[in-house]
Amino acid sequence: VIEGARVGTWEYDHARKESTVNDVWAGILGYRKDEVNPVSLERLLERVHPDDRKQLLTRQESRREDGVSTYQSELRMRHRDGYWVW
C-alpha cells in the first residue's frame, strides 16, 4: 500500500538511534535512498527548516514519554537544490 500510494516514509531504529527512509522520501528531497540512509537525528535536523526543529523534537519526546510507537509531523525540509519542501 505504501509503495502503491507513493508515500514518503521512514522507520526509526531506537537501538542505533537512526532512521532509514524509502525511495519516495529521498526523492522528495532530490536524493536517491542510498545517498541519505541511514539518517541520524543530527542529519535530519540539518535538513529540517529551523522554524520546524522544535516541533520535531517535541513530538519525538512526547512519543517517548507517552509510550506511543507512531506520530505524524509535517515539516519543511531542504531539497538538494536548496529550496524548502513540505
PDB file of N, CA and C in Angstrom:
ATOM      1  N   VAL A   1       0.830  -1.191   0.000  1.00  0.00           N
ATOM      2  CA  VAL A   1       0.000   0.000   0.000  1.00  0.00           C
ATOM      3  C   VAL A   1       0.875   1.255   0.000  1.00  0.00           C
ATOM      4  N   ILE A   2       1.910   1.251   0.832  1.00  0.00           N
ATOM      5  CA  ILE A   2       2.779   2.431   0.912  1.00  0.00           C
ATOM      6  C   ILE A   2       3.453   2.682  -0.433  1.00  0.00           C
ATOM      7  N   GLU A   3       4.008   1.646  -1.041  1.00  0.00           N
ATOM      8  CA  GLU A   3       4.666   1.824  -2.332  1.00  0.00           C
ATOM      9  C   GLU A   3       3.668   2.242  -3.409  1.00  0.00           C
ATOM     10  N   GLY A   4       2.487   1.649  -3.403  1.00  0.00           N
ATOM     11  CA  GLY A   4       1.478   1.981  -4.388  1.00  0.00           C
ATOM     12  C   GLY A   4       0.975   3.411  -4.253  1.00  0.00           C
ATOM     13  N   ALA A   5       0.918   3.908  -3.029  1.00  0.00           N
ATOM     14  CA  ALA A   5       0.441   5.268  -2.782  1.00  0.00           C
ATOM     15  C   ALA A   5       1.542   6.297  -2.994  1.00  0.00           C
ATOM     16  N   ARG A   6       2.746   5.827  -3.181  1.00  0.00           N
ATOM     17  CA  ARG A   6       3.894   6.727  -3.378  1.00  0.00           C
ATOM     18  C   ARG A   6       4.037   7.702  -2.202  1.00  0.00           C
ATOM     19  N   VAL A   7       4.057   7.148  -1.002  1.00  0.00           N
ATOM     20  CA  VAL A   7       4.165   7.924   0.224  1.00  0.00           C
ATOM     21  C   VAL A   7       5.598   7.854   0.738  1.00  0.00           C
ATOM     22  N   GLY A   8       6.132   9.001   1.094  1.00  0.00           N
ATOM     23  CA  GLY A   8       7.457   9.038   1.691  1.00  0.00           C
ATOM     24  C   GLY A   8       7.379   8.599   3.140  1.00  0.00           C
ATOM     25  N   THR A   9       8.129   7.556   3.500  1.00  0.00           N
ATOM     26  CA  THR A   9       8.088   7.027   4.862  1.00  0.00           C
ATOM     27  C   THR A   9       9.495   6.836   5.406  1.00  0.00           C
ATOM     28  N   TRP A  10       9.560   6.716   6.706  1.00  0.00           N
ATOM     29  CA  TRP A  10      10.822   6.406   7.356  1.00  0.00           C
ATOM     30  C   TRP A  10      10.557   5.509   8.555  1.00  0.00           C
ATOM     31  N   GLU A  11      11.577   4.804   8.958  1.00  0.00           N
ATOM     32  CA  GLU A  11      11.483   3.913  10.107  1.00  0.00           C
ATOM     33  C   GLU A  11      12.658   4.205  11.031  1.00  0.00           C
ATOM     34  N   TYR A  12      12.373   4.336  12.324  1.00  0.00           N
ATOM     35  CA  TYR A  12      13.397   4.683  13.303  1.00  0.00           C
ATOM     36  C   TYR A  12      13.849   3.453  14.070  1.00  0.00           C
ATOM     37  N   ASP A  13      15.150   3.251  14.164  1.00  0.00           N
ATOM     38  CA  ASP A  13      15.747   2.167  14.941  1.00  0.00           C
ATOM     39  C   ASP A  13      16.223   2.760  16.267  1.00  0.00           C
ATOM     40  N   HIS A  14      15.520   2.437  17.343  1.00  0.00           N
ATOM     41  CA  HIS A  14      15.841   3.020  18.648  1.00  0.00           C
ATOM     42  C   HIS A  14      17.215   2.599  19.149  1.00  0.00           C
ATOM     43  N   ALA A  15      17.612   1.382  18.887  1.00  0.00           N
ATOM     44  CA  ALA A  15      18.913   0.903  19.355  1.00  0.00           C
ATOM     45  C   ALA A  15      20.061   1.668  18.698  1.00  0.00           C
ATOM     46  N   ARG A  16      19.959   1.892  17.395  1.00  0.00           N
ATOM     47  CA  ARG A  16      21.034   2.599  16.673  1.00  0.00           C
ATOM     48  C   ARG A  16      20.828   4.110  16.653  1.00  0.00           C
ATOM     49  N   LYS A  17      19.624   4.541  17.042  1.00  0.00           N
ATOM     50  CA  LYS A  17      19.264   5.964  17.035  1.00  0.00           C
ATOM     51  C   LYS A  17      19.431   6.588  15.654  1.00  0.00           C
ATOM     52  N   GLU A  18      18.901   5.875  14.655  1.00  0.00           N
ATOM     53  CA  GLU A  18      18.921   6.398  13.301  1.00  0.00           C
ATOM     54  C   GLU A  18      17.729   5.856  12.530  1.00  0.00           C
ATOM     55  N   SER A  19      17.412   6.544  11.464  1.00  0.00           N
ATOM     56  CA  SER A  19      16.270   6.175  10.632  1.00  0.00           C
ATOM     57  C   SER A  19      16.731   5.705   9.268  1.00  0.00           C
ATOM     58  N   THR A  20      15.862   4.958   8.618  1.00  0.00           N
ATOM     59  CA  THR A  20      16.031   4.651   7.211  1.00  0.00           C
ATOM     60  C   THR A  20      14.780   5.147   6.505  1.00  0.00           C
ATOM     61  N   VAL A  21      14.961   5.626   5.276  1.00  0.00           N
ATOM     62  CA  VAL A  21      13.853   6.193   4.512  1.00  0.00           C
ATOM     63  C   VAL A  21      13.638   5.397   3.237  1.00  0.00           C
ATOM     64  N   ASN A  22      12.439   5.525   2.676  1.00  0.00           N
ATOM     65  CA  ASN A  22      12.178   4.829   1.419  1.00  0.00           C
ATOM     66  C   ASN A  22      12.550   5.721   0.234  1.00  0.00           C
ATOM     67  N   ASP A  23      12.437   5.164  -0.968  1.00  0.00           N
ATOM     68  CA  ASP A  23      12.801   5.881  -2.194  1.00  0.00           C
ATOM     69  C   ASP A  23      12.014   7.178  -2.368  1.00  0.00           C
ATOM     70  N   VAL A  24      10.741   7.155  -2.024  1.00  0.00           N
ATOM     71  CA  VAL A  24       9.898   8.337  -2.215  1.00  0.00           C
ATOM     72  C   VAL A  24      10.366   9.469  -1.303  1.00  0.00           C
ATOM     73  N   TRP A  25      10.630   9.167  -0.036  1.00  0.00           N
ATOM     74  CA  TRP A  25      11.090  10.185   0.912  1.00  0.00           C
ATOM     75  C   TRP A  25      12.367  10.829   0.406  1.00  0.00           C
ATOM     76  N   ALA A  26      13.325  10.007   0.002  1.00  0.00           N
ATOM     77  CA  ALA A  26      14.594  10.539  -0.513  1.00  0.00           C
ATOM     78  C   ALA A  26      14.353  11.376  -1.769  1.00  0.00           C
ATOM     79  N   GLY A  27      13.502  10.892  -2.667  1.00  0.00           N
ATOM     80  CA  GLY A  27      13.228  11.592  -3.916  1.00  0.00           C
ATOM     81  C   GLY A  27      12.575  12.942  -3.730  1.00  0.00           C
ATOM     82  N   ILE A  28      11.728  13.082  -2.712  1.00  0.00           N
ATOM     83  CA  ILE A  28      11.090  14.365  -2.428  1.00  0.00           C
ATOM     84  C   ILE A  28      12.154  15.432  -2.177  1.00  0.00           C
ATOM     85  N   LEU A  29      13.273  15.017  -1.601  1.00  0.00           N
ATOM     86  CA  LEU A  29      14.367  15.947  -1.297  1.00  0.00           C
ATOM     87  C   LEU A  29      15.439  15.980  -2.380  1.00  0.00           C
ATOM     88  N   GLY A  30      15.208  15.252  -3.481  1.00  0.00           N
ATOM     89  CA  GLY A  30      16.146  15.292  -4.599  1.00  0.00           C
ATOM     90  C   GLY A  30      17.308  14.328  -4.492  1.00  0.00           C
ATOM     91  N   TYR A  31      17.169  13.281  -3.675  1.00  0.00           N
ATOM     92  CA  TYR A  31      18.248  12.310  -3.475  1.00  0.00           C
ATOM     93  C   TYR A  31      17.793  10.908  -3.860  1.00  0.00           C
ATOM     94  N   ARG A  32      18.753  10.020  -3.956  1.00  0.00           N
ATOM     95  CA  ARG A  32      18.471   8.583  -4.017  1.00  0.00           C
ATOM     96  C   ARG A  32      18.540   8.067  -2.581  1.00  0.00           C
ATOM     97  N   LYS A  33      17.828   6.991  -2.323  1.00  0.00           N
ATOM     98  CA  LYS A  33      17.780   6.423  -0.980  1.00  0.00           C
ATOM     99  C   LYS A  33      19.179   6.121  -0.441  1.00  0.00           C
ATOM    100  N   ASP A  34      20.059   5.584  -1.289  1.00  0.00           N
ATOM    101  CA  ASP A  34      21.400   5.216  -0.822  1.00  0.00           C
ATOM    102  C   ASP A  34      22.265   6.435  -0.487  1.00  0.00           C
ATOM    103  N   GLU A  35      21.854   7.622  -0.933  1.00  0.00           N
ATOM    104  CA  GLU A  35      22.604   8.840  -0.619  1.00  0.00           C
ATOM    105  C   GLU A  35      22.272   9.394   0.763  1.00  0.00           C
ATOM    106  N   VAL A  36      21.137   9.020   1.321  1.00  0.00           N
ATOM    107  CA  VAL A  36      20.723   9.595   2.603  1.00  0.00           C
ATOM    108  C   VAL A  36      20.643   8.601   3.751  1.00  0.00           C
ATOM    109  N   ASN A  37      20.544   7.309   3.466  1.00  0.00           N
ATOM    110  CA  ASN A  37      20.440   6.305   4.526  1.00  0.00           C
ATOM    111  C   ASN A  37      21.806   5.924   5.054  1.00  0.00           C
ATOM    112  N   PRO A  38      21.932   5.663   6.358  1.00  0.00           N
ATOM    113  CA  PRO A  38      20.927   5.909   7.385  1.00  0.00           C
ATOM    114  C   PRO A  38      20.885   7.383   7.742  1.00  0.00           C
ATOM    115  N   VAL A  39      19.766   7.805   8.348  1.00  0.00           N
ATOM    116  CA  VAL A  39      19.561   9.200   8.708  1.00  0.00           C
ATOM    117  C   VAL A  39      19.621   9.324  10.234  1.00  0.00           C
ATOM    118  N   SER A  40      20.678   9.918  10.736  1.00  0.00           N
ATOM    119  CA  SER A  40      20.755  10.175  12.175  1.00  0.00           C
ATOM    120  C   SER A  40      19.906  11.391  12.505  1.00  0.00           C
ATOM    121  N   LEU A  41      19.589  11.573  13.764  1.00  0.00           N
ATOM    122  CA  LEU A  41      18.812  12.739  14.162  1.00  0.00           C
ATOM    123  C   LEU A  41      19.550  14.020  13.789  1.00  0.00           C
ATOM    124  N   GLU A  42      20.848  14.024  13.944  1.00  0.00           N
ATOM    125  CA  GLU A  42      21.634  15.204  13.603  1.00  0.00           C
ATOM    126  C   GLU A  42      21.523  15.536  12.110  1.00  0.00           C
ATOM    127  N   ARG A  43      21.629  14.517  11.256  1.00  0.00           N
ATOM    128  CA  ARG A  43      21.497  14.747   9.806  1.00  0.00           C
ATOM    129  C   ARG A  43      20.091  15.195   9.442  1.00  0.00           C
ATOM    130  N   LEU A  44      19.099  14.625  10.110  1.00  0.00           N
ATOM    131  CA  LEU A  44      17.717  15.027   9.860  1.00  0.00           C
ATOM    132  C   LEU A  44      17.530  16.492  10.236  1.00  0.00           C
ATOM    133  N   LEU A  45      17.995  16.877  11.420  1.00  0.00           N
ATOM    134  CA  LEU A  45      17.824  18.257  11.870  1.00  0.00           C
ATOM    135  C   LEU A  45      18.525  19.256  10.954  1.00  0.00           C
ATOM    136  N   GLU A  46      19.619  18.846  10.313  1.00  0.00           N
ATOM    137  CA  GLU A  46      20.298  19.727   9.357  1.00  0.00           C
ATOM    138  C   GLU A  46      19.397  20.063   8.170  1.00  0.00           C
ATOM    139  N   ARG A  47      18.501  19.140   7.822  1.00  0.00           N
ATOM    140  CA  ARG A  47      17.628  19.335   6.665  1.00  0.00           C
ATOM    141  C   ARG A  47      16.292  19.970   7.021  1.00  0.00           C
ATOM    142  N   VAL A  48      15.903  19.920   8.300  1.00  0.00           N
ATOM    143  CA  VAL A  48      14.615  20.461   8.725  1.00  0.00           C
ATOM    144  C   VAL A  48      14.719  21.984   8.856  1.00  0.00           C
ATOM    145  N   HIS A  49      13.694  22.669   8.384  1.00  0.00           N
ATOM    146  CA  HIS A  49      13.635  24.131   8.480  1.00  0.00           C
ATOM    147  C   HIS A  49      13.829  24.542   9.943  1.00  0.00           C
ATOM    148  N   PRO A  50      14.637  25.560  10.203  1.00  0.00           N
ATOM    149  CA  PRO A  50      14.893  25.978  11.588  1.00  0.00           C
ATOM    150  C   PRO A  50      13.622  26.230  12.406  1.00  0.00           C
ATOM    151  N   ASP A  51      12.578  26.752  11.777  1.00  0.00           N
ATOM    152  CA  ASP A  51      11.336  27.023  12.496  1.00  0.00           C
ATOM    153  C   ASP A  51      10.566  25.760  12.853  1.00  0.00           C
ATOM    154  N   ASP A  52      10.905  24.617  12.256  1.00  0.00           N
ATOM    155  CA  ASP A  52      10.191  23.362  12.498  1.00  0.00           C
ATOM    156  C   ASP A  52      10.952  22.388  13.390  1.00  0.00           C
ATOM    157  N   ARG A  53      12.191  22.694  13.727  1.00  0.00           N
ATOM    158  CA  ARG A  53      13.019  21.761  14.513  1.00  0.00           C
ATOM    159  C   ARG A  53      12.439  21.497  15.897  1.00  0.00           C
ATOM    160  N   LYS A  54      11.969  22.545  16.555  1.00  0.00           N
ATOM    161  CA  LYS A  54      11.411  22.368  17.900  1.00  0.00           C
ATOM    162  C   LYS A  54      10.206  21.437  17.865  1.00  0.00           C
ATOM    163  N   GLN A  55       9.344  21.606  16.840  1.00  0.00           N
ATOM    164  CA  GLN A  55       8.164  20.740  16.704  1.00  0.00           C
ATOM    165  C   GLN A  55       8.587  19.280  16.592  1.00  0.00           C
ATOM    166  N   LEU A  56       9.582  19.005  15.773  1.00  0.00           N
ATOM    167  CA  LEU A  56      10.051  17.631  15.599  1.00  0.00           C
ATOM    168  C   LEU A  56      10.552  17.060  16.915  1.00  0.00           C
ATOM    169  N   LEU A  57      11.407  17.789  17.598  1.00  0.00           N
ATOM    170  CA  LEU A  57      11.977  17.300  18.851  1.00  0.00           C
ATOM    171  C   LEU A  57      10.912  17.140  19.934  1.00  0.00           C
ATOM    172  N   THR A  58       9.962  18.058  19.992  1.00  0.00           N
ATOM    173  CA  THR A  58       8.880  17.974  20.978  1.00  0.00           C
ATOM    174  C   THR A  58       8.016  16.752  20.733  1.00  0.00           C
ATOM    175  N   ARG A  59       7.665  16.501  19.484  1.00  0.00           N
ATOM    176  CA  ARG A  59       6.824  15.328  19.178  1.00  0.00           C
ATOM    177  C   ARG A  59       7.551  14.022  19.456  1.00  0.00           C
ATOM    178  N   GLN A  60       8.844  13.978  19.159  1.00  0.00           N
ATOM    179  CA  GLN A  60       9.600  12.763  19.456  1.00  0.00           C
ATOM    180  C   GLN A  60       9.666  12.522  20.956  1.00  0.00           C
ATOM    181  N   GLU A  61       9.901  13.559  21.721  1.00  0.00           N
ATOM    182  CA  GLU A  61       9.970  13.426  23.180  1.00  0.00           C
ATOM    183  C   GLU A  61       8.621  13.014  23.753  1.00  0.00           C
ATOM    184  N   SER A  62       7.532  13.630  23.289  1.00  0.00           N
ATOM    185  CA  SER A  62       6.197  13.264  23.748  1.00  0.00           C
ATOM    186  C   SER A  62       5.889  11.812  23.430  1.00  0.00           C
ATOM    187  N   ARG A  63       6.280  11.382  22.247  1.00  0.00           N
ATOM    188  CA  ARG A  63       6.042   9.995  21.849  1.00  0.00           C
ATOM    189  C   ARG A  63       6.755   9.046  22.800  1.00  0.00           C
ATOM    190  N   ARG A  64       8.005   9.360  23.134  1.00  0.00           N
ATOM    191  CA  ARG A  64       8.770   8.504  24.058  1.00  0.00           C
ATOM    192  C   ARG A  64       8.130   8.492  25.445  1.00  0.00           C
ATOM    193  N   GLU A  65       7.770   9.656  25.949  1.00  0.00           N
ATOM    194  CA  GLU A  65       7.187   9.747  27.284  1.00  0.00           C
ATOM    195  C   GLU A  65       5.847   9.038  27.383  1.00  0.00           C
ATOM    196  N   ASP A  66       5.047   9.115  26.324  1.00  0.00           N
ATOM    197  CA  ASP A  66       3.716   8.511  26.324  1.00  0.00           C
ATOM    198  C   ASP A  66       3.735   7.038  25.934  1.00  0.00           C
ATOM    199  N   GLY A  67       4.881   6.542  25.481  1.00  0.00           N
ATOM    200  CA  GLY A  67       4.980   5.153  25.058  1.00  0.00           C
ATOM    201  C   GLY A  67       4.268   4.860  23.754  1.00  0.00           C
ATOM    202  N   VAL A  68       4.048   5.886  22.950  1.00  0.00           N
ATOM    203  CA  VAL A  68       3.372   5.721  21.665  1.00  0.00           C
ATOM    204  C   VAL A  68       4.425   5.368  20.619  1.00  0.00           C
ATOM    205  N   SER A  69       4.101   4.439  19.739  1.00  0.00           N
ATOM    206  CA  SER A  69       5.097   3.987  18.762  1.00  0.00           C
ATOM    207  C   SER A  69       5.088   4.787  17.466  1.00  0.00           C
ATOM    208  N   THR A  70       4.055   5.595  17.227  1.00  0.00           N
ATOM    209  CA  THR A  70       4.000   6.359  15.984  1.00  0.00           C
ATOM    210  C   THR A  70       3.552   7.792  16.266  1.00  0.00           C
ATOM    211  N   TYR A  71       3.854   8.667  15.339  1.00  0.00           N
ATOM    212  CA  TYR A  71       3.331  10.024  15.365  1.00  0.00           C
ATOM    213  C   TYR A  71       3.429  10.587  13.965  1.00  0.00           C
ATOM    214  N   GLN A  72       2.717  11.658  13.710  1.00  0.00           N
ATOM    215  CA  GLN A  72       2.758  12.318  12.414  1.00  0.00           C
ATOM    216  C   GLN A  72       3.275  13.725  12.597  1.00  0.00           C
ATOM    217  N   SER A  73       3.995  14.188  11.600  1.00  0.00           N
ATOM    218  CA  SER A  73       4.522  15.535  11.653  1.00  0.00           C
ATOM    219  C   SER A  73       4.734  16.030  10.234  1.00  0.00           C
ATOM    220  N   GLU A  74       4.361  17.279   9.982  1.00  0.00           N
ATOM    221  CA  GLU A  74       4.611  17.889   8.681  1.00  0.00           C
ATOM    222  C   GLU A  74       5.682  18.945   8.876  1.00  0.00           C
ATOM    223  N   LEU A  75       6.788  18.777   8.171  1.00  0.00           N
ATOM    224  CA  LEU A  75       7.941  19.655   8.338  1.00  0.00           C
ATOM    225  C   LEU A  75       8.435  20.142   6.992  1.00  0.00           C
ATOM    226  N   ARG A  76       8.950  21.342   6.966  1.00  0.00           N
ATOM    227  CA  ARG A  76       9.650  21.814   5.780  1.00  0.00           C
ATOM    228  C   ARG A  76      11.071  21.262   5.838  1.00  0.00           C
ATOM    229  N   MET A  77      11.520  20.755   4.691  1.00  0.00           N
ATOM    230  CA  MET A  77      12.866  20.205   4.629  1.00  0.00           C
ATOM    231  C   MET A  77      13.595  20.766   3.419  1.00  0.00           C
ATOM    232  N   ARG A  78      14.908  20.865   3.561  1.00  0.00           N
ATOM    233  CA  ARG A  78      15.716  21.441   2.492  1.00  0.00           C
ATOM    234  C   ARG A  78      15.932  20.419   1.375  1.00  0.00           C
ATOM    235  N   HIS A  79      15.531  20.803   0.179  1.00  0.00           N
ATOM    236  CA  HIS A  79      15.768  19.999  -1.021  1.00  0.00           C
ATOM    237  C   HIS A  79      17.248  20.083  -1.382  1.00  0.00           C
ATOM    238  N   ARG A  80      17.738  19.106  -2.087  1.00  0.00           N
ATOM    239  CA  ARG A  80      19.130  19.090  -2.536  1.00  0.00           C
ATOM    240  C   ARG A  80      19.520  20.395  -3.237  1.00  0.00           C
ATOM    241  N   ASP A  81      18.572  21.004  -3.942  1.00  0.00           N
ATOM    242  CA  ASP A  81      18.844  22.239  -4.674  1.00  0.00           C
ATOM    243  C   ASP A  81      18.714  23.491  -3.810  1.00  0.00           C
ATOM    244  N   GLY A  82      18.435  23.321  -2.505  1.00  0.00           N
ATOM    245  CA  GLY A  82      18.445  24.436  -1.575  1.00  0.00           C
ATOM    246  C   GLY A  82      17.110  25.040  -1.206  1.00  0.00           C
ATOM    247  N   TYR A  83      16.040  24.714  -1.919  1.00  0.00           N
ATOM    248  CA  TYR A  83      14.732  25.276  -1.571  1.00  0.00           C
ATOM    249  C   TYR A  83      14.023  24.362  -0.564  1.00  0.00           C
ATOM    250  N   TRP A  84      12.959  24.882   0.030  1.00  0.00           N
ATOM    251  CA  TRP A  84      12.221  24.146   1.058  1.00  0.00           C
ATOM    252  C   TRP A  84      11.012  23.419   0.463  1.00  0.00           C
ATOM    253  N   VAL A  85      10.810  22.191   0.902  1.00  0.00           N
ATOM    254  CA  VAL A  85       9.642  21.396   0.501  1.00  0.00           C
ATOM    255  C   VAL A  85       8.938  20.907   1.760  1.00  0.00           C
ATOM    256  N   TRP A  86       7.625  20.671   1.641  1.00  0.00           N
ATOM    257  CA  TRP A  86       6.858  20.109   2.743  1.00  0.00           C
ATOM    258  C   TRP A  86       6.863  18.619   2.639  1.00  0.00           C
TER     259      TRP A  86
END
